[in-house]
């Protein structure tokens, strides 16, 4: 797991908590901010997933070249 995946997951979780807190208190601004933070987290985690896949593909190509 790379740092984008970790940070993205953390933002997603924090956003869910913020959104839920907004729902419990009836604060629509809090809900919207939480939803936005969740979106940011999902995007960042996706970027991390792409980086991870690219690193794996590069490593596989290097291994194939050695043989």
Protein backbone atom coordinates (compact mmCIF):
# COMPACT_ATOMS: atom_id res chain seq x y z
CA UNK A 1 0.00 0.00 0.00
CA UNK A 2 1.37 3.44 -0.88
CA UNK A 3 0.85 6.77 0.87
CA UNK A 4 -1.89 7.92 -1.52
CA UNK A 5 -3.91 4.80 -0.78
CA UNK A 6 -3.47 5.28 2.97
CA UNK A 7 -4.23 9.01 2.97
CA UNK A 8 -7.18 8.47 0.64
CA UNK A 9 -8.65 5.81 2.89
CA UNK A 10 -8.19 8.08 5.91
CA UNK A 11 -9.96 10.98 4.16
CA UNK A 12 -12.79 8.68 3.11
CA UNK A 13 -13.29 7.44 6.68
CA UNK A 14 -13.09 10.97 8.11
CA UNK A 15 -15.58 12.16 5.52
CA UNK A 16 -18.02 9.38 6.40
CA UNK A 17 -17.79 10.31 10.07
CA UNK A 18 -18.28 14.00 9.31
CA UNK A 19 -21.25 13.26 7.06
CA UNK A 20 -22.86 11.03 9.70
CA UNK A 21 -22.31 13.68 12.36
CA UNK A 22 -24.03 16.18 10.10
CA UNK A 23 -26.94 13.79 9.60
CA UNK A 24 -27.32 13.27 13.35
CA UNK A 25 -27.30 16.99 14.09
CA UNK A 26 -29.28 18.02 11.02
CA UNK A 27 -26.37 20.17 9.79
CA UNK A 28 -26.53 20.09 5.99
CA UNK A 29 -23.26 22.01 5.60
CA UNK A 30 -21.46 19.39 7.69
CA UNK A 31 -23.04 16.63 5.59
CA UNK A 32 -21.90 18.30 2.37
CA UNK A 33 -18.36 18.83 3.65
CA UNK A 34 -18.20 15.20 4.74
CA UNK A 35 -19.43 14.02 1.37
CA UNK A 36 -16.83 16.20 -0.37
CA UNK A 37 -14.07 14.82 1.86
CA UNK A 38 -15.22 11.30 1.05
CA UNK A 39 -14.98 12.11 -2.65
CA UNK A 40 -11.47 13.50 -2.24
CA UNK A 41 -10.47 10.38 -0.37
CA UNK A 42 -11.85 8.04 -3.00
CA UNK A 43 -10.04 9.96 -5.76
CA UNK A 44 -6.75 9.97 -3.85
CA UNK A 45 -7.07 6.26 -3.12
CA UNK A 46 -7.76 5.66 -6.82
CA UNK A 47 -4.60 7.57 -7.75
CA UNK A 48 -2.70 5.38 -5.30
CA UNK A 49 -4.20 2.26 -6.87
CA UNK A 50 -3.07 3.39 -10.32
CA UNK A 51 0.44 4.12 -9.04
CA UNK A 52 0.56 0.72 -7.37
CA UNK A 53 -0.55 -1.02 -10.56
CA UNK A 54 2.03 0.90 -12.60
CA UNK A 55 4.79 -0.04 -10.15
CA UNK A 56 3.75 -3.70 -10.31
CA UNK A 57 3.72 -3.65 -14.12
CA UNK A 58 7.14 -1.98 -14.21
CA UNK A 59 8.55 -4.55 -11.79
CA UNK A 60 7.13 -7.39 -13.87
CA UNK A 61 8.72 -5.97 -17.02
CA UNK A 62 12.08 -5.71 -15.25
CA UNK A 63 11.78 -9.33 -14.09
CA UNK A 64 10.88 -10.45 -17.63
CA UNK A 65 13.92 -8.62 -19.05
CA UNK A 66 16.24 -10.41 -16.62
CA UNK A 67 15.17 -13.84 -17.83
